[in-house]
C-alpha atoms as a PDB file:
ATOM      1  CA  MET A   1      10.670  12.547  42.281  1.00  0.00           C
ATOM      2  CA  LYS A   2       9.672  13.752  45.492  1.00  0.00           C
ATOM      3  CA  ASN A   3      10.707  17.459  44.892  1.00  0.00           C
ATOM      4  CA  THR A   4       9.064  17.171  41.329  1.00  0.00           C
ATOM      5  CA  ALA A   5       5.585  15.870  42.868  1.00  0.00           C
ATOM      6  CA  ALA A   6       5.772  18.642  45.776  1.00  0.00           C
ATOM      7  CA  LEU A   7       6.480  21.382  42.928  1.00  0.00           C
ATOM      8  CA  MET A   8       3.423  19.704  40.763  1.00  0.00           C
ATOM      9  CA  VAL A   9       1.287  20.062  44.230  1.00  0.00           C
ATOM     10  CA  GLY A  10       2.419  23.520  44.458  1.00  0.00           C
ATOM     11  CA  LEU A  11       1.614  24.685  41.023  1.00  0.00           C
ATOM     12  CA  ALA A  12      -1.459  22.698  40.656  1.00  0.00           C
ATOM     13  CA  TYR A  13      -3.645  24.178  43.671  1.00  0.00           C
ATOM     14  CA  PRO A  14      -2.880  27.781  43.290  1.00  0.00           C
ATOM     15  CA  ALA A  15      -3.662  27.223  39.410  1.00  0.00           C
ATOM     16  CA  VAL A  16      -6.913  26.266  40.320  1.00  0.00           C
ATOM     17  CA  VAL A  17      -7.532  29.074  43.219  1.00  0.00           C
ATOM     18  CA  PHE A  18      -6.183  31.931  40.711  1.00  0.00           C
ATOM     19  CA  GLU A  19      -7.444  30.313  37.601  1.00  0.00           C
ATOM     20  CA  GLY A  20      -4.120  30.467  36.296  1.00  0.00           C
ATOM     21  CA  HIS A  21      -3.784  28.793  32.928  1.00  0.00           C
ATOM     22  CA  ASP A  22       0.251  29.236  32.680  1.00  0.00           C
ATOM     23  CA  LEU A  23       0.698  27.573  36.231  1.00  0.00           C
ATOM     24  CA  ALA A  24      -1.446  24.613  35.085  1.00  0.00           C
ATOM     25  CA  ARG A  25       0.596  24.343  31.877  1.00  0.00           C
ATOM     26  CA  GLU A  26       3.558  23.857  33.754  1.00  0.00           C
ATOM     27  CA  ALA A  27       2.145  21.423  36.239  1.00  0.00           C
ATOM     28  CA  LEU A  28       0.854  19.460  33.491  1.00  0.00           C
ATOM     29  CA  GLU A  29       4.542  19.599  31.713  1.00  0.00           C
ATOM     30  CA  LEU A  30       6.058  18.324  35.155  1.00  0.00           C
ATOM     31  CA  GLU A  31       3.420  15.420  34.966  1.00  0.00           C
ATOM     32  CA  ALA A  32       4.562  14.310  31.798  1.00  0.00           C
ATOM     33  CA  GLU A  33       8.357  14.373  33.173  1.00  0.00           C
ATOM     34  CA  MET A  34       7.039  12.365  36.285  1.00  0.00           C
ATOM     35  CA  ASN A  35       5.362   9.918  34.065  1.00  0.00           C
ATOM     36  CA  LEU A  36       8.751   9.184  32.363  1.00  0.00           C
ATOM     37  CA  LEU A  37      10.521   9.032  35.718  1.00  0.00           C
ATOM     38  CA  GLN A  38       7.871   6.667  37.105  1.00  0.00           C
ATOM     39  CA  LEU A  39       8.121   4.590  34.121  1.00  0.00           C
ATOM     40  CA  GLN A  40      12.060   4.531  34.576  1.00  0.00           C
ATOM     41  CA  ALA A  41      11.792   3.893  38.174  1.00  0.00           C
ATOM     42  CA  ARG A  42       9.317   0.691  37.742  1.00  0.00           C
ATOM     43  CA  MET A  43      11.972  -0.659  34.837  1.00  0.00           C
ATOM     44  CA  SER A  44      14.696  -0.114  37.262  1.00  0.00           C
ATOM     45  CA  LEU A  45      13.133  -2.145  39.953  1.00  0.00           C
ATOM     46  CA  VAL A  46      12.490  -4.740  37.484  1.00  0.00           C
ATOM     47  CA  MET A  47      15.927  -4.906  36.049  1.00  0.00           C
ATOM     48  CA  ALA A  48      17.032  -5.189  39.593  1.00  0.00           C
ATOM     49  CA  GLY A  49      14.867  -8.203  40.112  1.00  0.00           C
ATOM     50  CA  ARG A  50      13.113  -6.955  43.052  1.00  0.00           C
ATOM     51  CA  ARG A  51       9.866  -7.876  44.456  1.00  0.00           C
ATOM     52  CA  PRO A  52       6.499  -6.170  43.124  1.00  0.00           C
ATOM     53  CA  ALA A  53       5.937  -5.226  46.892  1.00  0.00           C
ATOM     54  CA  GLU A  54       8.974  -2.856  46.759  1.00  0.00           C
ATOM     55  CA  ALA A  55       7.537  -1.258  43.433  1.00  0.00           C
ATOM     56  CA  GLU A  56       4.330  -0.850  45.651  1.00  0.00           C
ATOM     57  CA  GLN A  57       6.327   1.777  48.002  1.00  0.00           C
ATOM     58  CA  LEU A  58       6.380   4.311  45.219  1.00  0.00           C
ATOM     59  CA  ALA A  59       2.598   4.242  44.827  1.00  0.00           C
ATOM     60  CA  PRO A  60       1.869   7.248  47.046  1.00  0.00           C
ATOM     61  CA  VAL A  61       4.316   9.184  45.223  1.00  0.00           C
ATOM     62  CA  PHE A  62       2.659   8.286  41.779  1.00  0.00           C
ATOM     63  CA  GLY A  63      -0.908   9.044  43.486  1.00  0.00           C
ATOM     64  CA  VAL A  64       0.290  12.538  44.263  1.00  0.00           C
ATOM     65  CA  VAL A  65       1.520  13.217  40.675  1.00  0.00           C
ATOM     66  CA  ASP A  66      -1.660  11.901  39.129  1.00  0.00           C
ATOM     67  CA  ALA A  67      -4.064  13.694  41.724  1.00  0.00           C
ATOM     68  CA  ALA A  68      -2.009  17.124  40.804  1.00  0.00           C
ATOM     69  CA  GLY A  69      -2.422  16.479  37.181  1.00  0.00           C
ATOM     70  CA  ASP A  70      -5.922  16.224  37.424  1.00  0.00           C
ATOM     71  CA  VAL A  71      -6.039  19.466  39.524  1.00  0.00           C
ATOM     72  CA  ALA A  72      -4.148  21.185  37.171  1.00  0.00           C
ATOM     73  CA  SER A  73      -6.112  19.866  34.276  1.00  0.00           C
ATOM     74  CA  VAL A  74      -9.239  21.611  35.955  1.00  0.00           C
ATOM     75  CA  VAL A  75      -7.899  25.076  34.871  1.00  0.00           C
ATOM     76  CA  HIS A  76      -5.894  23.889  31.776  1.00  0.00           C
ATOM     77  CA  ASP A  77      -8.994  22.331  30.205  1.00  0.00           C
ATOM     78  CA  GLU A  78     -11.253  24.785  31.319  1.00  0.00           C
ATOM     79  CA  MET A  79     -13.495  22.629  32.988  1.00  0.00           C
ATOM     80  CA  GLY A  80     -14.317  25.222  35.792  1.00  0.00           C
ATOM     81  CA  LEU A  81     -15.109  24.311  39.525  1.00  0.00           C
ATOM     82  CA  PRO A  82     -18.463  24.382  40.905  1.00  0.00           C
ATOM     83  CA  ALA A  83     -19.368  27.687  42.765  1.00  0.00           C
ATOM     84  CA  ALA A  84     -19.780  25.751  46.113  1.00  0.00           C
ATOM     85  CA  PHE A  85     -16.666  24.414  45.767  1.00  0.00           C
ATOM     86  CA  ALA A  86     -14.757  27.104  44.863  1.00  0.00           C
ATOM     87  CA  ALA A  87     -15.954  28.833  47.836  1.00  0.00           C
ATOM     88  CA  THR A  88     -14.542  26.199  50.021  1.00  0.00           C
ATOM     89  CA  LEU A  89     -10.842  26.937  48.904  1.00  0.00           C
ATOM     90  CA  PRO A  90      -8.876  28.822  51.306  1.00  0.00           C
ATOM     91  CA  ALA A  91      -8.366  32.662  50.793  1.00  0.00           C
ATOM     92  CA  ALA A  92      -4.991  32.309  52.258  1.00  0.00           C
ATOM     93  CA  VAL A  93      -3.339  30.700  49.565  1.00  0.00           C
ATOM     94  CA  GLU A  94      -0.151  32.644  48.559  1.00  0.00           C
ATOM     95  CA  PRO A  95      -0.387  34.202  44.798  1.00  0.00           C
ATOM     96  CA  ILE A  96       2.161  32.595  42.606  1.00  0.00           C
ATOM     97  CA  ALA A  97       3.701  34.558  39.752  1.00  0.00           C
ATOM     98  CA  ARG A  98       5.045  33.010  36.544  1.00  0.00           C
ATOM     99  CA  ILE A  99       7.638  34.851  35.230  1.00  0.00           C
ATOM    100  CA  GLU A 100       9.566  34.565  31.692  1.00  0.00           C
ATOM    101  CA  LEU A 101      12.830  36.514  31.895  1.00  0.00           C
ATOM    102  CA  VAL A 102      13.655  38.162  28.742  1.00  0.00           C
ATOM    103  CA  ALA A 103      16.991  39.012  27.603  1.00  0.00           C
ATOM    104  CA  ASP A 104      17.241  42.647  28.515  1.00  0.00           C
ATOM    105  CA  SER A 105      15.853  42.358  32.107  1.00  0.00           C
ATOM    106  CA  PRO A 106      18.165  43.564  34.843  1.00  0.00           C
ATOM    107  CA  TYR A 107      18.348  40.125  36.308  1.00  0.00           C
ATOM    108  CA  THR A 108      19.194  38.289  33.475  1.00  0.00           C
ATOM    109  CA  ASP A 109      22.892  36.391  33.451  1.00  0.00           C
ATOM    110  CA  ARG A 110      23.125  37.428  37.076  1.00  0.00           C
ATOM    111  CA  THR A 111      22.414  35.535  40.060  1.00  0.00           C
ATOM    112  CA  LEU A 112      19.555  35.564  42.584  1.00  0.00           C
ATOM    113  CA  GLY A 113      21.734  37.021  45.374  1.00  0.00           C
ATOM    114  CA  ALA A 114      23.801  39.534  43.592  1.00  0.00           C
ATOM    115  CA  SER A 115      20.859  40.807  41.856  1.00  0.00           C
ATOM    116  CA  ASN A 116      18.639  41.299  45.227  1.00  0.00           C
ATOM    117  CA  VAL A 117      15.539  39.841  43.412  1.00  0.00           C
ATOM    118  CA  GLU A 118      13.776  39.190  46.789  1.00  0.00           C
ATOM    119  CA  THR A 119      14.786  42.466  48.240  1.00  0.00           C
ATOM    120  CA  ASP A 120      13.994  44.708  45.334  1.00  0.00           C
ATOM    121  CA  THR A 121      10.837  42.874  44.011  1.00  0.00           C
ATOM    122  CA  GLY A 122       9.156  41.269  46.692  1.00  0.00           C
ATOM    123  CA  VAL A 123       8.968  37.915  45.128  1.00  0.00           C
ATOM    124  CA  ARG A 124      10.853  34.756  46.407  1.00  0.00           C
ATOM    125  CA  VAL A 125      11.775  32.481  43.467  1.00  0.00           C
ATOM    126  CA  PHE A 126      11.291  28.993  44.419  1.00  0.00           C
ATOM    127  CA  ALA A 127      11.627  27.109  41.189  1.00  0.00           C
ATOM    128  CA  VAL A 128      13.220  27.971  37.434  1.00  0.00           C
ATOM    129  CA  HIS A 129      12.191  26.090  34.216  1.00  0.00           C
ATOM    130  CA  ARG A 130      15.300  26.288  32.002  1.00  0.00           C
ATOM    131  CA  ASP A 131      14.730  24.370  28.636  1.00  0.00           C
ATOM    132  CA  ASP A 132      13.733  20.878  29.716  1.00  0.00           C
ATOM    133  CA  ASP A 133      15.390  21.115  33.381  1.00  0.00           C
ATOM    134  CA  TRP A 134      13.697  22.288  36.484  1.00  0.00           C
ATOM    135  CA  LEU A 135      15.648  24.023  39.274  1.00  0.00           C
ATOM    136  CA  SER A 136      13.857  23.457  42.425  1.00  0.00           C
ATOM    137  CA  ASN A 137      14.530  25.861  45.654  1.00  0.00           C
ATOM    138  CA  PRO A 138      17.598  27.760  43.578  1.00  0.00           C
ATOM    139  CA  THR A 139      19.890  29.324  45.954  1.00  0.00           C
ATOM    140  CA  ARG A 140      21.476  32.903  45.633  1.00  0.00           C
ATOM    141  CA  GLU A 141      24.270  31.367  43.713  1.00  0.00           C
ATOM    142  CA  THR A 142      21.648  30.472  40.774  1.00  0.00           C
ATOM    143  CA  THR A 143      22.561  32.436  37.525  1.00  0.00           C
ATOM    144  CA  LEU A 144      19.256  33.536  36.001  1.00  0.00           C
ATOM    145  CA  ARG A 145      19.095  33.351  32.119  1.00  0.00           C
ATOM    146  CA  ALA A 146      17.182  34.712  29.612  1.00  0.00           C
ATOM    147  CA  GLY A 147      14.141  32.655  28.573  1.00  0.00           C
ATOM    148  CA  ASP A 148      14.219  31.138  32.154  1.00  0.00           C
ATOM    149  CA  VAL A 149      10.870  30.710  33.489  1.00  0.00           C
ATOM    150  CA  LEU A 150      10.481  31.700  37.015  1.00  0.00           C
ATOM    151  CA  LEU A 151       7.989  30.646  39.580  1.00  0.00           C
ATOM    152  CA  ALA A 152       7.813  32.638  42.524  1.00  0.00           C
ATOM    153  CA  THR A 153       5.719  33.408  45.616  1.00  0.00           C
ATOM    154  CA  ARG A 154       4.736  37.109  45.637  1.00  0.00           C
ATOM    155  CA  THR A 155       2.583  39.931  46.763  1.00  0.00           C
ATOM    156  CA  ARG A 156       0.524  40.999  43.605  1.00  0.00           C
ATOM    157  CA  ALA A 157       2.590  44.421  42.999  1.00  0.00           C
ATOM    158  CA  GLY A 158       5.715  42.227  43.465  1.00  0.00           C
ATOM    159  CA  ALA A 159       5.484  40.299  40.373  1.00  0.00           C
ATOM    160  CA  GLY A 160       5.177  43.193  38.054  1.00  0.00           C
ATOM    161  CA  ARG A 161       8.434  44.677  39.384  1.00  0.00           C
ATOM    162  CA  LEU A 162      10.198  41.507  38.378  1.00  0.00           C
ATOM    163  CA  ALA A 163       8.539  40.892  35.097  1.00  0.00           C
ATOM    164  CA  ASP A 164       9.261  44.393  34.079  1.00  0.00           C
END
């Protein structure tokens, strides 16, 4: 849950700064997944006969998830930000690329390490969304598949090279 919450925050904030609708959609999908995990965690605590005070220890994680979902909704639902608020957002936020890997990509069916993605493209893949699963912090041994959605920090030029 902690990694998923961190990933949501990592997607939601740049989605607002860069008006990234795809990033916002990914964050909202993660929010739905986290809602299910929250329910399962609460049920587990009840089934284990634990006290409500122990369940309250999870409240900060749940709050972060809800807040990240709200931030992503600003972009996804096209609410827009007041100009004064947008001006206060730091310009130093790292751009994030959302790249859908196609079957004929030179990176498909190769590991991140063997394909030298970071060296060749200038992007660092920090998460892979595959079907209904998320791989956060993929390693050099992570094999990329057609249809994977890669989330990466990048230079603006770097993301195009990976997407090509």
